[in-house]
Protein backbone atom coordinates (compact mmCIF):
# COMPACT_ATOMS: atom_id res chain seq x y z
CA MET A 1 145.32 99.58 124.29
CA THR A 2 144.99 102.92 122.49
CA ALA A 3 146.37 106.20 123.82
CA LEU A 4 144.37 108.11 126.44
CA TYR A 5 143.06 111.67 126.48
CA SER A 6 144.03 112.35 130.10
CA PHE A 7 145.04 110.68 133.34
CA GLY A 8 145.41 111.82 136.92
CA LEU A 9 146.31 110.32 140.29
CA GLY A 10 144.38 112.25 142.91
CA ILE A 11 143.55 112.62 146.56
CA GLY A 12 140.20 113.99 147.61
CA THR A 13 137.32 114.33 150.03
CA GLN A 14 134.22 112.14 150.33
CA ASN A 15 131.09 112.60 152.41
CA ASN A 16 129.84 110.05 154.92
CA HIS A 17 128.13 108.13 152.10
CA GLY A 18 131.36 107.78 150.11
CA ASP A 19 130.40 110.35 147.48
CA TRP A 20 133.25 112.45 146.09
CA LEU A 21 133.13 116.15 146.98
CA GLU A 22 136.41 117.23 145.38
CA VAL A 23 139.69 115.83 144.05
CA TYR A 24 143.21 117.28 143.90
CA TYR A 25 145.50 116.10 141.08
CA PRO A 26 149.14 117.16 141.65
CA ARG A 27 150.39 116.19 138.15
CA PRO A 28 147.57 115.57 135.65
CA LEU A 29 148.63 114.24 132.26
CA LEU A 30 147.26 115.24 128.87
CA ASN A 31 147.60 112.64 126.11
CA PRO A 32 149.70 110.26 128.24
CA SER A 33 151.78 107.62 126.51
CA LYS A 34 150.47 104.16 125.65
CA GLU A 35 152.85 102.93 128.33
CA VAL A 36 150.68 104.64 130.96
CA SER A 37 147.52 102.94 129.69
CA ASP A 38 149.34 99.59 129.70
CA ILE A 39 150.31 100.13 133.36
CA LEU A 40 146.70 100.94 134.26
CA GLN A 41 145.51 97.85 132.45
CA SER A 42 147.97 95.54 134.19
CA VAL A 43 147.71 97.01 137.71
CA LEU A 44 144.08 98.18 137.86
CA ASP A 45 142.55 95.95 135.18
CA TYR A 46 141.51 99.06 133.28
CA GLN A 47 139.58 97.99 130.17
CA GLY A 48 138.89 101.36 128.55
CA GLY A 49 136.42 104.21 128.76
CA ASN A 50 136.20 107.20 131.07
CA GLN A 51 136.15 106.23 134.73
CA ALA A 52 137.35 107.05 138.22
CA MET A 53 138.75 104.12 140.21
CA GLY A 54 139.18 104.25 143.96
CA LEU A 55 142.61 102.96 144.98
CA SER A 56 143.65 100.65 147.80
CA THR A 57 147.04 100.81 149.51
CA GLU A 58 148.09 97.67 147.65
CA GLN A 59 147.13 99.14 144.27
CA LEU A 60 149.00 102.35 145.03
CA SER A 61 152.09 100.35 145.92
CA LYS A 62 151.91 98.45 142.63
CA LEU A 63 151.36 101.66 140.67
CA ALA A 64 154.36 103.30 142.35
CA GLY A 65 156.55 100.38 141.36
CA ALA A 66 155.25 100.20 137.80
CA PHE A 67 155.62 103.93 137.19
CA ALA A 68 159.12 103.94 138.69
CA SER A 69 160.20 101.03 136.47
CA SER A 70 158.89 102.77 133.35
CA GLY A 71 160.62 106.08 134.06
CA HIS A 72 157.50 108.02 135.14
CA ALA A 73 159.13 109.40 138.28
CA ASP A 74 156.50 112.07 139.03
CA GLN A 75 153.62 109.60 138.94
CA ALA A 76 155.62 107.08 140.98
CA THR A 77 156.26 109.69 143.68
CA ILE A 78 152.60 110.70 143.82
CA ALA A 79 151.47 107.07 144.10
CA LYS A 80 153.91 106.50 146.96
CA GLN A 81 152.76 109.65 148.77
CA LEU A 82 149.11 108.66 148.39
CA GLN A 83 149.95 105.21 149.70
CA GLU A 84 151.22 106.78 152.93
CA SER A 85 148.05 108.84 153.42
CA SER A 86 144.77 107.80 154.99
CA ARG A 87 142.77 110.05 152.63
CA PRO A 88 140.74 108.61 149.74
CA ALA A 89 142.81 108.20 146.56
CA VAL A 90 141.57 107.88 142.99
CA ALA A 91 142.93 107.11 139.53
CA THR A 92 140.88 108.98 136.95
CA VAL A 93 141.21 107.89 133.34
CA LEU A 94 139.74 109.74 130.38
CA ALA A 95 139.94 107.67 127.23
CA ASN A 96 138.32 110.49 125.27
CA ASP A 97 137.01 114.04 125.63
CA ASP A 98 133.42 113.08 126.41
CA ALA A 99 131.40 115.18 128.85
CA PRO A 100 132.45 114.55 132.48
CA GLY A 101 130.33 111.89 134.14
CA SER A 102 131.56 112.12 137.74
CA VAL A 103 133.12 114.54 140.22
CA PRO A 104 136.65 113.09 139.73
CA GLU A 105 136.29 113.41 135.94
CA GLY A 106 135.06 116.99 136.22
CA TYR A 107 137.90 117.98 138.55
CA LEU A 108 140.48 116.43 136.24
CA LYS A 109 139.24 118.59 133.37
CA LEU A 110 139.30 121.70 135.55
CA HIS A 111 142.88 120.88 136.54
CA LEU A 112 143.87 120.54 132.88
CA LEU A 113 142.69 124.10 132.30
CA SER A 114 144.39 125.66 135.31
CA HIS A 115 147.62 123.74 134.61
CA ARG A 116 147.52 125.34 131.12
CA LEU A 117 147.40 121.94 129.45
CA VAL A 118 144.25 122.86 127.51
CA LYS A 119 142.81 126.27 126.66
CA PRO A 120 139.26 127.48 127.37
CA ASN A 121 136.58 126.10 125.04
CA SER A 122 138.88 123.28 123.90
CA THR A 123 137.69 120.56 126.29
CA ASN A 124 134.17 119.19 126.69
CA LEU A 125 132.58 120.47 129.92
CA THR A 126 128.96 119.79 128.95
CA GLY A 127 126.82 119.10 132.01
CA LEU A 128 129.57 119.96 134.48
CA PHE A 129 127.22 121.91 136.75
CA GLY A 130 125.00 118.87 137.11
CA VAL A 131 127.97 116.65 137.97
CA LEU A 132 129.66 118.79 140.63
CA ARG A 133 128.22 118.98 144.14
CA ASN A 134 127.45 122.18 146.01
CA VAL A 135 130.01 122.15 148.80
CA ALA A 136 130.89 124.17 151.90
CA TRP A 137 134.50 125.32 151.48
CA THR A 138 135.82 125.75 154.99
CA SER A 139 138.95 126.11 157.09
CA GLU A 140 138.81 122.31 157.42
CA GLY A 141 138.41 121.71 153.69
CA ALA A 142 135.37 120.63 151.69
CA ILE A 143 132.32 119.57 153.74
CA ASP A 144 129.01 118.15 152.54
CA LEU A 145 126.26 120.69 153.27
CA GLU A 146 124.14 118.12 155.10
CA GLU A 147 127.10 117.31 157.34
CA LEU A 148 128.11 120.94 157.99
CA PRO A 149 125.99 121.59 161.14
CA ALA A 150 127.44 118.54 162.91
CA ARG A 151 130.98 119.59 161.95
CA GLN A 152 130.36 123.14 163.19
CA LEU A 153 129.09 121.82 166.51
CA GLN A 154 132.03 119.45 166.85
CA ALA A 155 134.45 122.31 166.25
CA ARG A 156 132.80 124.41 168.96
CA LEU A 157 132.78 121.53 171.44
CA THR A 158 136.54 121.20 171.04
CA GLY A 159 137.10 124.93 171.46
CA ASN A 160 137.69 125.61 167.76
CA SER A 161 135.91 127.70 165.17
CA LEU A 162 135.00 126.31 161.77
CA SER A 163 135.13 129.12 159.20
CA VAL A 164 132.99 128.77 156.06
CA ASP A 165 134.53 130.73 153.19
CA SER A 166 131.96 129.95 150.51
CA ILE A 167 129.13 127.65 149.41
CA ASP A 168 129.78 126.77 145.78
CA LYS A 169 130.36 124.03 143.22
CA PHE A 170 133.80 125.41 142.37
CA PRO A 171 136.72 126.04 144.75
CA LYS A 172 139.25 128.79 144.30
CA MET A 173 141.99 127.90 141.84
CA VAL A 174 145.05 128.51 144.02
CA ASP A 175 144.00 125.83 146.52
CA TYR A 176 144.71 123.37 143.70
CA VAL A 177 146.92 125.06 141.11
CA VAL A 178 149.24 128.08 141.32
CA PRO A 179 150.38 128.87 137.75
CA ALA A 180 153.87 130.26 137.32
CA GLY A 181 154.39 133.96 136.69
CA VAL A 182 151.03 135.41 137.76
CA ARG A 183 149.81 137.95 140.32
CA ILE A 184 146.39 137.48 141.93
CA ALA A 185 145.44 140.09 144.51
CA ASP A 186 142.29 138.32 145.78
CA THR A 187 142.58 134.57 145.22
CA ALA A 188 138.92 133.94 146.06
CA ARG A 189 137.94 135.64 142.78
CA VAL A 190 139.59 133.08 140.50
CA ARG A 191 137.82 129.72 140.22
CA LEU A 192 139.44 126.35 139.59
CA GLY A 193 139.28 125.79 135.86
CA ALA A 194 140.50 129.30 135.03
CA TYR A 195 143.39 129.52 132.55
CA ILE A 196 145.74 132.28 133.74
CA GLY A 197 148.58 132.93 131.31
CA GLU A 198 152.08 133.81 132.48
CA GLY A 199 152.53 137.53 133.05
CA THR A 200 148.87 138.16 133.94
CA THR A 201 147.95 140.43 136.84
CA ILE A 202 144.50 140.12 138.43
CA MET A 203 143.71 142.99 140.78
CA HIS A 204 141.36 142.87 143.77
CA GLU A 205 138.17 143.49 141.76
CA GLY A 206 139.15 141.19 138.89
CA PHE A 207 137.26 137.91 138.47
CA VAL A 208 137.97 134.89 136.27
CA ASN A 209 135.45 132.08 135.91
CA PHE A 210 136.19 128.46 134.99
CA ASN A 211 136.78 127.71 131.29
CA ALA A 212 137.94 131.30 130.80
CA GLY A 213 141.10 133.29 131.17
CA THR A 214 144.06 135.08 129.66
CA GLU A 215 146.77 134.18 127.19
CA SER A 216 149.50 136.27 128.90
CA THR A 217 150.56 139.75 130.09
CA SER A 218 147.07 141.12 130.68
CA MET A 219 145.82 143.41 133.45
CA VAL A 220 142.45 142.28 134.80
CA GLU A 221 140.38 144.61 136.96
CA GLY A 222 137.07 143.48 135.47
CA ARG A 223 135.10 140.29 134.97
CA ILE A 224 136.13 137.46 132.63
CA SER A 225 133.02 135.30 132.33
CA GLN A 226 132.81 131.60 131.50
CA GLY A 227 134.01 130.92 127.96
CA VAL A 228 135.78 134.27 127.48
CA PHE A 229 139.46 134.28 126.47
CA VAL A 230 141.69 137.37 126.54
CA LYS A 231 144.77 137.51 124.35
CA SER A 232 148.13 139.03 125.26
CA GLY A 233 148.61 142.59 126.46
CA SER A 234 144.97 143.55 126.97
CA ASP A 235 143.59 145.59 129.87
CA LEU A 236 140.15 145.10 131.46
CA GLY A 237 139.40 148.24 133.46
CA GLY A 238 137.76 148.32 136.87
CA GLY A 239 134.15 147.09 136.83
CA SER A 240 134.25 146.06 133.16
CA SER A 241 132.24 143.01 132.15
CA THR A 242 132.40 140.37 129.43
CA MET A 243 129.34 138.39 128.36
CA GLY A 244 129.92 134.66 128.76
CA THR A 245 127.95 131.65 127.61
CA LEU A 246 126.22 131.26 130.99
CA SER A 247 123.46 133.39 132.55
CA GLY A 248 121.78 134.40 129.33
CA GLY A 249 124.95 134.97 127.35
CA GLY A 250 123.87 132.63 124.57
CA ASN A 251 126.36 130.58 122.61
CA ILE A 252 128.55 133.39 121.22
CA ILE A 253 132.11 132.82 122.43
CA ILE A 254 133.75 136.12 123.29
CA THR A 255 137.44 136.60 122.60
CA ILE A 256 139.38 139.79 123.19
CA GLY A 257 142.31 140.37 120.86
CA GLU A 258 145.80 141.58 121.66
CA LYS A 259 146.42 145.02 123.21
CA CYS A 260 142.75 145.87 123.72
CA LEU A 261 141.32 148.14 126.40
CA LEU A 262 137.94 147.82 128.09
CA GLY A 263 137.38 151.07 129.95
CA ALA A 264 136.11 151.15 133.53
CA ASN A 265 132.52 149.90 133.86
CA SER A 266 132.30 149.04 130.16
CA GLY A 267 130.82 145.82 128.79
CA LEU A 268 131.41 143.54 125.85
CA GLY A 269 129.07 141.14 124.04
CA ILE A 270 130.96 140.61 120.77
CA PRO A 271 134.42 139.22 119.96
CA LEU A 272 137.06 141.93 119.56
CA GLY A 273 139.99 141.96 117.18
CA ASP A 274 143.39 143.39 118.09
CA ARG A 275 144.06 146.93 119.40
CA CYS A 276 140.42 147.78 120.10
CA THR A 277 139.10 150.16 122.76
CA ILE A 278 135.70 150.46 124.43
CA GLU A 279 135.06 153.76 126.16
CA ALA A 280 134.45 153.74 129.93
CA GLY A 281 130.83 153.06 130.82
CA LEU A 282 129.81 151.81 127.36
CA TYR A 283 128.24 148.35 127.02
CA ILE A 284 128.38 146.85 123.53
CA THR A 285 126.02 143.96 122.78
CA SER A 286 125.69 142.14 119.46
CA GLY A 287 122.54 144.12 118.58
CA THR A 288 123.86 147.57 119.52
CA LYS A 289 123.42 150.05 116.64
CA VAL A 290 126.80 151.58 115.83
CA THR A 291 127.45 154.66 113.70
CA LEU A 292 130.62 154.43 111.61
CA LEU A 293 132.60 157.66 111.33
CA ASP A 294 135.39 158.54 108.91
CA ASP A 295 138.57 160.38 109.83
CA GLN A 296 136.67 163.67 109.48
CA ASN A 297 134.01 162.52 111.96
CA LYS A 298 131.44 162.28 109.18
CA VAL A 299 128.82 159.51 109.23
CA VAL A 300 129.56 156.71 106.79
CA ASP A 301 127.00 154.09 107.75
CA GLN A 302 125.10 152.49 110.63
CA VAL A 303 125.57 148.80 111.41
CA LYS A 304 124.94 146.41 114.25
CA ALA A 305 127.88 145.68 116.54
CA ARG A 306 127.88 142.02 115.51
CA ASP A 307 128.97 143.16 112.03
CA LEU A 308 132.16 144.52 113.59
CA ALA A 309 133.00 141.35 115.52
CA GLY A 310 136.66 140.39 115.24
CA LYS A 311 137.70 143.57 113.38
CA ASP A 312 140.98 145.20 114.39
CA ASP A 313 141.78 148.79 115.43
CA LEU A 314 138.31 149.91 116.52
CA LEU A 315 137.38 152.60 119.02
CA PHE A 316 133.84 152.43 120.41
CA ARG A 317 132.51 155.54 122.12
CA ARG A 318 129.20 157.19 123.00
CA ASN A 319 128.47 160.63 121.58
CA SER A 320 128.07 162.88 124.60
CA SER A 321 125.50 165.07 122.81
CA THR A 322 123.29 162.58 121.00
CA GLY A 323 123.95 159.38 122.99
CA ALA A 324 124.64 157.48 119.77
CA VAL A 325 127.24 154.71 119.87
CA GLU A 326 130.01 155.55 117.42
CA CYS A 327 132.95 153.64 116.00
CA LEU A 328 136.20 155.06 114.68
CA THR A 329 139.14 153.11 113.31
CA ASN A 330 142.82 153.61 112.59
CA LYS A 331 141.90 152.75 109.03
CA SER A 332 139.39 154.81 107.08
CA ALA A 333 135.83 154.03 108.13
CA VAL A 334 134.97 154.15 104.42
CA GLU A 335 137.40 151.28 103.80
CA LEU A 336 135.95 149.42 106.79
CA ASN A 337 132.43 149.95 105.46
CA GLU A 338 133.40 148.63 102.03
CA ALA A 339 134.94 145.57 103.65
CA LEU A 340 131.77 144.91 105.64
CA HIS A 341 129.53 145.11 102.60
CA ALA A 342 131.93 143.03 100.52
CA SER A 343 131.65 140.17 103.02
CA ASN A 344 127.84 140.15 102.97
């Protein structure tokens, strides 16, 4: 059998109808060896394709033995632990990077992102919203919304209180994955499927959506929307916003280069190169008209912001007298202008 795209042994929650609500994968694998696929074929009769297979105690026992014999100690340990639990267990196999077709498949892909095994926009998440269920995330774990009232009543009858933290398709990341070397002041503001690079600090007002995140050593006090990726050493000031590919953001993927600064309450709708700054309170969209200034503050040209996408060493500001959006650069604006026209 050919090599697989990904594999995970997981434990999760089902509703009263046996539908999966969520799945936790302690050690997901990216591009596992052919040996893993051979074990799945022999123990679970896996014949290929993307699928999630519910596991019996007997199957878990056989998997534990097979993984131990082949030197896959981590997977053997997980299989043994799942065998000793009464919770539903699943083996999710992705033969390829097709769009997720089930809750276990979707959760495996989200785990790959938060475990830093794949970067944002590098795995197929098409249709994920339609696959995941809207769930009540509570002090007793994930609960189907239709079953929530009965669970709340049961808690009260036994003298307990069932706390509902959120109603959402995505749980918070740290309930599933805690990446090494990060600081997250408010864990509820980082969704599972976020990619948080080592050295990143996310302050209380910072937010990181799924399929988005930071490369490393960034300070996040603003919003990193779905699809947005921030490279090393950049700072997103308080209340700043990045335009993602959801909620009207279109299909432009926003990246922020190294050592950039988004001032407080600023916004970004174009990719930035390295060492760029957006003044506090200024929102740049792809169609924003930008006046290019030279090192003497003389007007060189007027372009749309999309023409500056990916350029390095830019400072965007708003003229306090005229309200015009202006752009200065460490390099001569004349040279920048020539480069823009040369590429057209």
